[in-house]
Protein backbone atom coordinates (compact mmCIF):
# COMPACT_ATOMS: atom_id res chain seq x y z
CA UNK A 1 -13.26 -48.13 -49.46
CA UNK A 2 -15.08 -49.42 -46.02
CA UNK A 3 -18.42 -51.48 -45.52
CA UNK A 4 -20.89 -49.49 -43.12
CA UNK A 5 -23.84 -51.69 -41.59
CA UNK A 6 -27.23 -50.75 -40.75
CA UNK A 7 -31.03 -51.13 -40.64
CA UNK A 8 -33.99 -50.01 -42.47
CA UNK A 9 -36.37 -47.82 -40.24
CA UNK A 10 -39.59 -49.50 -40.45
CA UNK A 11 -38.78 -52.95 -41.64
CA UNK A 12 -35.70 -53.66 -39.43
CA UNK A 13 -33.81 -55.25 -42.41
CA UNK A 14 -30.08 -55.25 -41.79
CA UNK A 15 -27.76 -53.87 -44.70
CA UNK A 16 -24.10 -53.45 -45.68
CA UNK A 17 -23.28 -50.45 -47.68
CA UNK A 18 -19.59 -50.00 -49.25
CA UNK A 19 -18.61 -46.36 -49.14
CA UNK A 20 -15.38 -44.56 -50.26
CA UNK A 21 -13.25 -43.12 -47.60
CA UNK A 22 -10.31 -40.61 -47.48
CA UNK A 23 -7.41 -40.23 -45.12
CA UNK A 24 -6.64 -36.46 -43.81
CA UNK A 25 -3.17 -36.38 -45.52
CA UNK A 26 -5.19 -37.16 -48.90
CA UNK A 27 -7.47 -33.96 -48.18
CA UNK A 28 -6.80 -30.71 -49.96
CA UNK A 29 -4.78 -27.95 -47.66
CA UNK A 30 -6.43 -24.71 -46.44
CA UNK A 31 -4.97 -21.73 -48.26
CA UNK A 32 -5.98 -19.67 -45.12
CA UNK A 33 -8.25 -20.14 -41.96
CA UNK A 34 -11.23 -17.85 -41.73
CA UNK A 35 -13.33 -17.24 -38.44
CA UNK A 36 -16.39 -18.66 -40.08
CA UNK A 37 -14.29 -21.97 -41.32
CA UNK A 38 -16.04 -25.39 -40.15
CA UNK A 39 -13.97 -27.91 -38.20
CA UNK A 40 -15.25 -31.40 -37.50
CA UNK A 41 -14.93 -33.11 -33.97
CA UNK A 42 -16.35 -36.03 -31.89
CA UNK A 43 -18.41 -34.93 -29.06
CA UNK A 44 -17.38 -37.80 -26.54
CA UNK A 45 -20.07 -36.87 -23.90
CA UNK A 46 -22.93 -37.79 -26.58
CA UNK A 47 -20.63 -40.14 -28.68
CA UNK A 48 -21.57 -37.77 -31.81
CA UNK A 49 -19.81 -36.15 -34.43
CA UNK A 50 -20.24 -32.51 -34.40
CA UNK A 51 -18.86 -29.07 -36.01
CA UNK A 52 -17.44 -26.05 -34.62
CA UNK A 53 -16.26 -22.74 -36.37
CA UNK A 54 -12.72 -21.19 -36.07
CA UNK A 55 -14.00 -18.23 -34.27
CA UNK A 56 -15.77 -20.88 -31.49
CA UNK A 57 -12.58 -23.03 -31.03
CA UNK A 58 -10.48 -19.88 -30.65
CA UNK A 59 -12.92 -18.78 -27.64
CA UNK A 60 -12.74 -22.45 -26.24
CA UNK A 61 -9.12 -22.60 -26.05
CA UNK A 62 -7.74 -18.93 -24.98
CA UNK A 63 -10.91 -17.34 -24.22
CA UNK A 64 -13.26 -14.62 -25.52
CA UNK A 65 -11.69 -11.70 -27.05
CA UNK A 66 -13.49 -8.78 -25.19
CA UNK A 67 -13.18 -5.37 -26.72
CA UNK A 68 -11.75 -2.82 -24.39
CA UNK A 69 -11.34 1.10 -24.66
CA UNK A 70 -7.80 2.39 -25.45
CA UNK A 71 -6.12 4.73 -22.69
CA UNK A 72 -2.74 6.24 -23.43
CA UNK A 73 0.57 5.53 -21.24
CA UNK A 74 3.86 4.22 -22.12
CA UNK A 75 6.18 1.20 -23.42
CA UNK A 76 6.12 0.57 -27.08
CA UNK A 77 5.94 -2.86 -28.94
CA UNK A 78 6.74 -3.24 -32.65
CA UNK A 79 4.81 -5.94 -34.85
CA UNK A 80 5.31 -6.76 -38.25
CA UNK A 81 2.40 -8.61 -40.27
CA UNK A 82 3.44 -12.20 -41.47
CA UNK A 83 2.20 -13.97 -44.60
CA UNK A 84 -0.33 -16.03 -42.51
CA UNK A 85 -1.97 -12.70 -41.36
CA UNK A 86 -1.97 -11.29 -44.98
CA UNK A 87 -5.57 -9.76 -45.53
CA UNK A 88 -6.88 -10.55 -41.93
CA UNK A 89 -8.82 -7.97 -39.95
CA UNK A 90 -7.82 -9.24 -36.69
CA UNK A 91 -4.36 -9.96 -35.51
CA UNK A 92 -3.77 -12.43 -32.43
CA UNK A 93 -0.56 -11.18 -30.53
CA UNK A 94 -0.13 -13.03 -27.18
CA UNK A 95 2.45 -10.45 -26.04
CA UNK A 96 -0.35 -7.86 -25.81
CA UNK A 97 -2.53 -10.44 -23.69
CA UNK A 98 -4.10 -8.53 -20.69
CA UNK A 99 -2.67 -5.00 -21.49
CA UNK A 100 -4.67 -2.13 -23.29
CA UNK A 101 -2.56 0.50 -25.62
CA UNK A 102 -2.83 2.93 -28.62
CA UNK A 103 -2.09 1.56 -32.02
CA UNK A 104 -0.41 3.34 -34.88
CA UNK A 105 0.25 1.74 -38.36
CA UNK A 106 2.92 3.00 -40.68
CA UNK A 107 1.64 4.65 -43.42
CA UNK A 108 -1.80 4.93 -42.01
CA UNK A 109 -1.11 6.76 -38.81
CA UNK A 110 -2.66 6.63 -35.42
CA UNK A 111 -6.25 4.82 -35.17
CA UNK A 112 -8.62 6.32 -33.48
CA UNK A 113 -10.37 4.56 -30.40
CA UNK A 114 -13.58 3.82 -32.27
CA UNK A 115 -11.87 2.39 -35.20
CA UNK A 116 -10.26 -0.79 -33.31
CA UNK A 117 -10.89 -3.30 -30.49
CA UNK A 118 -8.33 -4.33 -28.21
CA UNK A 119 -8.56 -8.33 -27.49
CA UNK A 120 -8.11 -9.19 -24.11
CA UNK A 121 -6.72 -12.62 -25.10
CA UNK A 122 -3.92 -10.28 -26.84
CA UNK A 123 -4.12 -8.57 -30.21
CA UNK A 124 -5.90 -6.13 -32.35
CA UNK A 125 -9.13 -6.19 -34.61
CA UNK A 126 -9.70 -3.18 -36.94
CA UNK A 127 -13.35 -1.79 -37.29
CA UNK A 128 -12.79 0.56 -40.30
CA UNK A 129 -15.01 -0.81 -43.14
CA UNK A 130 -12.85 -2.80 -45.84
CA UNK A 131 -9.82 -2.32 -43.84
CA UNK A 132 -7.26 -5.13 -43.25
CA UNK A 133 -3.70 -6.11 -42.60
CA UNK A 134 -1.37 -7.04 -45.08
CA UNK A 135 2.11 -8.72 -45.13
CA UNK A 136 5.05 -6.43 -43.88
CA UNK A 137 2.66 -3.94 -42.51
CA UNK A 138 4.59 -2.25 -39.47
CA UNK A 139 2.53 -1.50 -36.19
CA UNK A 140 3.52 -0.09 -33.11
CA UNK A 141 1.64 -0.62 -30.09
CA UNK A 142 2.00 1.79 -27.09
CA UNK A 143 1.10 -0.30 -24.27
CA UNK A 144 -1.14 1.42 -21.42
CA UNK A 145 -3.13 0.90 -18.25
CA UNK A 146 -6.76 0.49 -18.56
CA UNK A 147 -9.01 2.90 -17.66
CA UNK A 148 -11.47 0.55 -15.86
CA UNK A 149 -8.37 -0.99 -14.29
CA UNK A 150 -7.67 -4.71 -12.97
CA UNK A 151 -4.84 -7.01 -13.78
CA UNK A 152 -7.00 -8.67 -16.68
CA UNK A 153 -8.81 -6.37 -19.17
CA UNK A 154 -12.51 -6.12 -18.55
CA UNK A 155 -12.57 -8.09 -15.12
CA UNK A 156 -14.06 -4.68 -13.71
CA UNK A 157 -11.38 -3.98 -11.20
CA UNK A 158 -10.33 -0.97 -9.36
CA UNK A 159 -6.69 -0.30 -10.48
CA UNK A 160 -5.49 2.98 -11.58
CA UNK A 161 -2.12 5.24 -11.32
CA UNK A 162 -2.80 6.23 -7.73
CA UNK A 163 -4.83 3.97 -5.67
CA UNK A 164 -5.04 6.02 -2.26
CA UNK A 165 -3.13 8.36 0.11
CA UNK A 166 -0.96 7.42 2.60
CA UNK A 167 0.07 9.91 5.36
CA UNK A 168 3.20 9.91 6.65
CA UNK A 169 3.83 11.10 10.32
CA UNK A 170 6.61 9.27 11.64
CA UNK A 171 9.97 7.67 9.59
CA UNK A 172 8.91 5.08 7.24
CA UNK A 173 10.52 2.81 4.73
CA UNK A 174 8.67 1.99 1.59
CA UNK A 175 8.14 -1.43 0.30
CA UNK A 176 6.55 -2.66 -2.67
CA UNK A 177 3.15 -3.15 -1.11
CA UNK A 178 3.21 0.67 -0.48
CA UNK A 179 3.29 1.48 -4.36
CA UNK A 180 0.30 3.20 -5.91
CA UNK A 181 -0.07 5.56 -3.02
CA UNK A 182 0.31 9.25 -2.76
CA UNK A 183 2.52 9.90 0.15
CA UNK A 184 1.37 12.92 2.26
CA UNK A 185 4.00 14.05 4.84
CA UNK A 186 2.40 15.39 7.67
CA UNK A 187 5.12 15.42 10.42
CA UNK A 188 4.03 18.40 12.64
CA UNK A 189 6.90 18.78 15.16
CA UNK A 190 8.45 15.73 13.65
CA UNK A 191 11.46 15.53 11.54
CA UNK A 192 10.47 12.83 8.73
CA UNK A 193 12.59 10.49 7.24
CA UNK A 194 10.95 8.95 3.88
CA UNK A 195 13.30 6.09 2.82
CA UNK A 196 12.38 4.87 -1.03
CA UNK A 197 12.13 1.32 -1.83
CA UNK A 198 14.90 -0.73 -2.79
CA UNK A 199 14.62 -0.72 -6.99
CA UNK A 200 15.52 -4.08 -7.35
CA UNK A 201 12.34 -5.10 -5.14
CA UNK A 202 10.03 -3.33 -7.49
CA UNK A 203 8.79 -2.97 -11.04
CA UNK A 204 10.90 -0.57 -13.11
CA UNK A 205 9.13 2.71 -13.93
CA UNK A 206 7.26 2.83 -10.60
CA UNK A 207 6.21 6.03 -9.32
CA UNK A 208 6.30 7.49 -6.04
CA UNK A 209 4.56 10.83 -5.67
CA UNK A 210 5.22 12.54 -2.53
CA UNK A 211 3.62 15.82 -1.19
CA UNK A 212 4.26 17.84 2.24
CA UNK A 213 1.65 19.68 4.20
CA UNK A 214 1.73 23.39 4.90
CA UNK A 215 2.15 22.96 8.84
CA UNK A 216 5.17 20.66 9.07
CA UNK A 217 7.73 22.43 11.34
CA UNK A 218 10.61 20.97 9.36
CA UNK A 219 11.88 20.15 6.12
CA UNK A 220 11.30 16.31 5.39
CA UNK A 221 14.12 13.78 4.05
CA UNK A 222 13.71 11.66 1.21
CA UNK A 223 16.29 9.11 1.33
CA UNK A 224 17.16 6.25 -1.45
CA UNK A 225 18.12 2.68 -0.37
CA UNK A 226 21.76 1.91 0.37
CA UNK A 227 24.06 2.04 -2.41
CA UNK A 228 21.24 3.75 -4.67
CA UNK A 229 20.74 7.61 -5.92
CA UNK A 230 18.18 10.10 -6.58
CA UNK A 231 19.11 11.91 -9.73
CA UNK A 232 17.97 15.57 -9.46
CA UNK A 233 19.20 18.77 -10.45
CA UNK A 234 21.86 17.38 -12.92
CA UNK A 235 23.76 15.33 -10.21
CA UNK A 236 23.13 12.08 -8.08
CA UNK A 237 22.59 12.09 -4.52
CA UNK A 238 21.64 9.89 -1.58
CA UNK A 239 18.80 12.15 -0.37
CA UNK A 240 16.42 14.98 -1.22
CA UNK A 241 14.79 17.60 1.49
CA UNK A 242 11.32 18.93 0.96
CA UNK A 243 10.31 22.16 2.63
CA UNK A 244 6.36 22.90 3.50
CA UNK A 245 3.51 22.32 0.76
CA UNK A 246 6.06 20.99 -1.74
CA UNK A 247 5.80 18.36 -4.48
CA UNK A 248 8.34 15.42 -5.88
CA UNK A 249 7.54 12.73 -8.05
CA UNK A 250 10.03 10.16 -8.59
CA UNK A 251 10.35 7.09 -10.94
CA UNK A 252 12.15 3.95 -10.70
CA UNK A 253 15.15 2.85 -12.81
CA UNK A 254 17.44 0.11 -13.01
CA UNK A 255 20.10 2.24 -10.81
CA UNK A 256 18.28 4.42 -8.82
CA UNK A 257 15.32 7.20 -8.50
CA UNK A 258 14.70 9.74 -11.13
CA UNK A 259 12.73 13.07 -10.25
CA UNK A 260 10.46 14.03 -13.51
CA UNK A 261 8.25 16.58 -11.29
CA UNK A 262 8.99 18.94 -8.68
CA UNK A 263 7.61 22.10 -7.23
CA UNK A 264 8.86 24.18 -4.62
CA UNK A 265 12.29 26.13 -3.91
CA UNK A 266 14.55 22.82 -4.93
CA UNK A 267 16.01 24.90 -7.70
CA UNK A 268 16.95 28.30 -6.09
CA UNK A 269 17.50 27.41 -2.48
CA UNK A 270 19.54 29.98 -0.77
CA UNK A 271 18.83 32.99 -2.90
CA UNK A 272 18.04 36.42 -1.48
CA UNK A 273 14.50 37.70 -2.11
CA UNK A 274 12.15 40.36 -0.60
CA UNK A 275 8.80 40.87 0.58
CA UNK A 276 6.21 42.42 3.05
CA UNK A 277 7.03 39.26 5.40
CA UNK A 278 8.27 35.83 5.92
CA UNK A 279 6.61 33.30 3.31
CA UNK A 280 6.65 29.56 3.12
CA UNK A 281 10.20 28.28 2.88
CA UNK A 282 12.01 31.36 3.45
CA UNK A 283 13.86 33.04 6.58
CA UNK A 284 14.46 36.57 7.12
CA UNK A 285 18.07 37.25 6.43
CA UNK A 286 19.36 38.91 10.08
CA UNK A 287 22.67 37.16 10.11
CA UNK A 288 21.15 34.54 12.91
CA UNK A 289 22.69 31.03 13.59
CA UNK A 290 20.25 28.30 12.34
CA UNK A 291 20.19 24.55 13.33
CA UNK A 292 21.72 22.55 10.61
CA UNK A 293 19.25 19.79 11.31
CA UNK A 294 16.37 22.12 10.77
CA UNK A 295 17.20 23.58 7.72
CA UNK A 296 19.22 21.04 5.99
CA UNK A 297 18.61 22.07 2.44
CA UNK A 298 20.05 25.35 3.22
CA UNK A 299 23.10 24.28 4.98
CA UNK A 300 23.70 22.00 1.81
CA UNK A 301 23.52 24.78 -0.25
CA UNK A 302 25.77 27.16 1.99
CA UNK A 303 28.73 24.60 1.55
CA UNK A 304 28.54 24.97 -2.15
CA UNK A 305 29.41 28.66 -2.73
CA UNK A 306 32.88 28.74 -2.59
CA UNK A 307 34.67 32.01 -0.80
CA UNK A 308 31.11 33.41 0.18
CA UNK A 309 31.05 30.46 2.87
CA UNK A 310 33.41 31.71 5.47
CA UNK A 311 34.68 30.68 9.28
CA UNK A 312 32.44 32.23 11.82
CA UNK A 313 34.99 34.09 13.52
CA UNK A 314 35.71 35.92 10.38
CA UNK A 315 32.06 36.73 9.59
CA UNK A 316 31.96 38.41 13.35
CA UNK A 317 34.99 40.36 12.96
CA UNK A 318 33.63 42.89 10.66
CA UNK A 319 30.26 44.03 8.73
CA UNK A 320 32.40 43.79 5.64
CA UNK A 321 31.33 39.87 5.62
CA UNK A 322 27.78 40.45 6.46
CA UNK A 323 26.24 39.08 3.14
CA UNK A 324 28.16 35.62 3.64
CA UNK A 325 27.41 32.47 5.03
CA UNK A 326 29.25 30.95 7.81
CA UNK A 327 29.94 27.67 9.28
CA UNK A 328 28.23 28.49 12.81
CA UNK A 329 29.49 26.82 15.93
CA UNK A 330 31.30 24.37 13.57
CA UNK A 331 29.01 21.21 14.53
CA UNK A 332 25.16 22.06 14.63
CA UNK A 333 24.63 25.61 13.54
CA UNK A 334 25.41 27.86 10.54
CA UNK A 335 25.21 31.59 10.10
CA UNK A 336 22.91 33.04 7.10
CA UNK A 337 23.45 36.75 5.67
CA UNK A 338 22.28 40.06 7.45
CA UNK A 339 20.29 41.62 4.62
CA UNK A 340 19.00 44.33 6.82
CA UNK A 341 19.23 47.96 5.69
CA UNK A 342 21.15 47.21 2.29
CA UNK A 343 20.14 46.95 -1.08
CA UNK A 344 22.08 44.53 -3.68
CA UNK A 345 24.57 45.60 -6.26
CA UNK A 346 25.81 43.64 -9.23
CA UNK A 347 29.70 43.14 -9.34
CA UNK A 348 31.50 45.28 -11.88
CA UNK A 349 33.42 42.54 -13.19
CA UNK A 350 36.00 44.62 -15.29
CA UNK A 351 33.44 47.12 -16.56
CA UNK A 352 34.99 50.05 -14.70
CA UNK A 353 31.71 51.55 -13.06
CA UNK A 354 32.39 50.52 -9.53
CA UNK A 355 35.76 52.45 -8.18
CA UNK A 356 34.77 52.48 -4.43
CA UNK A 357 36.66 50.18 -2.62
CA UNK A 358 35.02 46.96 -1.38
CA UNK A 359 36.87 45.14 1.50
CA UNK A 360 35.77 41.54 0.86
CA UNK A 361 35.42 41.68 -2.77
CA UNK A 362 33.18 38.35 -3.54
CA UNK A 363 29.54 37.83 -3.57
CA UNK A 364 28.17 38.70 0.16
CA UNK A 365 30.96 41.29 0.65
CA UNK A 366 29.51 44.60 2.06
CA UNK A 367 30.48 47.98 0.79
CA UNK A 368 29.78 51.10 2.66
CA UNK A 369 28.46 54.23 1.39
CA UNK A 370 30.82 57.00 -0.20
CA UNK A 371 30.40 60.29 -1.81
CA UNK A 372 32.30 60.70 -4.84
CA UNK A 373 34.49 63.90 -5.99
CA UNK A 374 32.39 66.88 -6.89
CA UNK A 375 32.48 70.94 -6.70
CA UNK A 376 30.19 73.59 -5.82
CA UNK A 377 30.47 77.02 -7.41
CA UNK A 378 30.65 79.91 -5.15
CA UNK A 379 31.70 83.79 -4.81
CA UNK A 380 34.41 84.41 -2.18
CA UNK A 381 33.17 86.76 0.38
CA UNK A 382 34.96 89.39 2.27
CA UNK A 383 34.25 88.52 5.87
CA UNK A 384 34.74 89.84 9.28
CA UNK A 385 33.86 88.12 12.77
CA UNK A 386 30.06 89.03 13.54
CA UNK A 387 30.71 90.44 17.18
CA UNK A 388 26.89 91.18 17.59
CA UNK A 389 26.29 87.36 17.54
CA UNK A 390 29.12 86.35 19.41
CA UNK A 391 29.50 83.19 17.77
CA UNK A 392 32.85 81.82 16.89
CA UNK A 393 31.52 80.47 13.31
CA UNK A 394 29.43 83.52 12.74
CA UNK A 395 30.79 86.20 10.12
CA UNK A 396 29.30 89.17 8.18
CA UNK A 397 30.08 89.91 4.53
CA UNK A 398 31.75 93.22 4.65
CA UNK A 399 30.36 94.26 1.12
CA UNK A 400 26.64 93.04 1.32
CA UNK A 401 25.94 93.09 5.15
CA UNK A 402 24.56 89.45 5.12
CA UNK A 403 25.62 87.43 7.96
CA UNK A 404 26.88 83.94 7.21
CA UNK A 405 26.67 80.93 9.72
CA UNK A 406 28.53 77.52 9.47
CA UNK A 407 25.68 74.84 9.69
CA UNK A 408 25.73 71.10 8.83
CA UNK A 409 25.00 70.61 5.20
CA UNK A 410 22.13 67.85 4.28
CA UNK A 411 19.04 66.75 6.10
CA UNK A 412 19.89 63.39 7.20
CA UNK A 413 22.70 61.25 8.74
CA UNK A 414 23.17 59.22 5.66
CA UNK A 415 23.07 59.46 1.79
CA UNK A 416 20.19 57.41 0.55
CA UNK A 417 18.37 56.93 -2.65
CA UNK A 418 14.77 57.19 -3.23
CA UNK A 419 13.23 53.65 -2.07
CA UNK A 420 10.56 51.36 -0.64
CA UNK A 421 11.42 49.25 2.47
CA UNK A 422 10.99 45.46 2.40
CA UNK A 423 12.06 42.42 4.33
CA UNK A 424 15.10 40.83 3.29
CA UNK A 425 14.35 37.05 2.73
CA UNK A 426 16.25 33.96 1.91
CA UNK A 427 14.69 30.93 0.26
CA UNK A 428 15.23 28.03 2.34
């Protein structure tokens, strides 16, 4: 009990009223707390007691939860609804604060973007009538980037996957501040080297998109930082080369860079093809020497083809080796195959169809044309020299009177098949 003193309005008479009291521990405990529950507090500035709802207090303590539109990206967070959240339509999950996500519920499936709100303070609220979350529900949040951008959802910022285009016309070492750009290599007559950032200095799963322009005169070199690798084409390497008008997108991992998108001749460099004229990232195969530094990707490939990569001195000894690559001058050049005037033939591989000899019996080995065994049916004439013609190779058939003359057979200086001529090219 407590005595409370006061005055009667109008008369000014002082009175004392004895009132029952209760201490907080003696009050009933909330079974659950709803957004519209009332809380009593003291307004210090006005020296008055006031009330506030749960939702108002939440807004004061952790900010107003602003709904955001979900946008797909990556990264999954798994969450289990606990007992205190049973029957609630809203889940406050601090780990999701400032993030956007798509939302999947086991047994229900994926929520459509108009079926839930993302809370900037971290969490989710269902918008489906009579829907609620219950103890044990498994929820899966696939974290995404906000479509509107910005480090805090709803701040109206301008963040997106690619925020700008950075032209690269000289050697460059990328750093964290460069991330978010599309790197456009426009080296002209310069041999560009682009060094990727050290993966320990940037966020994991950072993407670096690179493109090259069509008028680059030389292939560009994409290098990893010291003691790091680029994982591409089933192997790890320290550097990758890009030709004209090619695309390479890399994503950072804990131990280096992984190529997940590429466009160009990365996969089939060195392969012979044909066309009307040389095209992007091809060279006419005329057996010429090329600079290793100007065609680093083709030079790299040449060294991987085993017996078909030979010493230049051997290449020069005979046409038998004209389809091979050679080591050129041994230091700065290498030689490519001479495809002119020839057609490809698949190796027999033990089938028994190819019986004519081939001096260099490996890919790139030349085989000249041969005429196989054959027969011509004829009647044996009775001949005497044709004294009238006066030619040593001119005879008369004594039975028919026909003159027989020894002449060259065929209508050309070589054996050919029906064909259409094209230029032999090598992808570089």
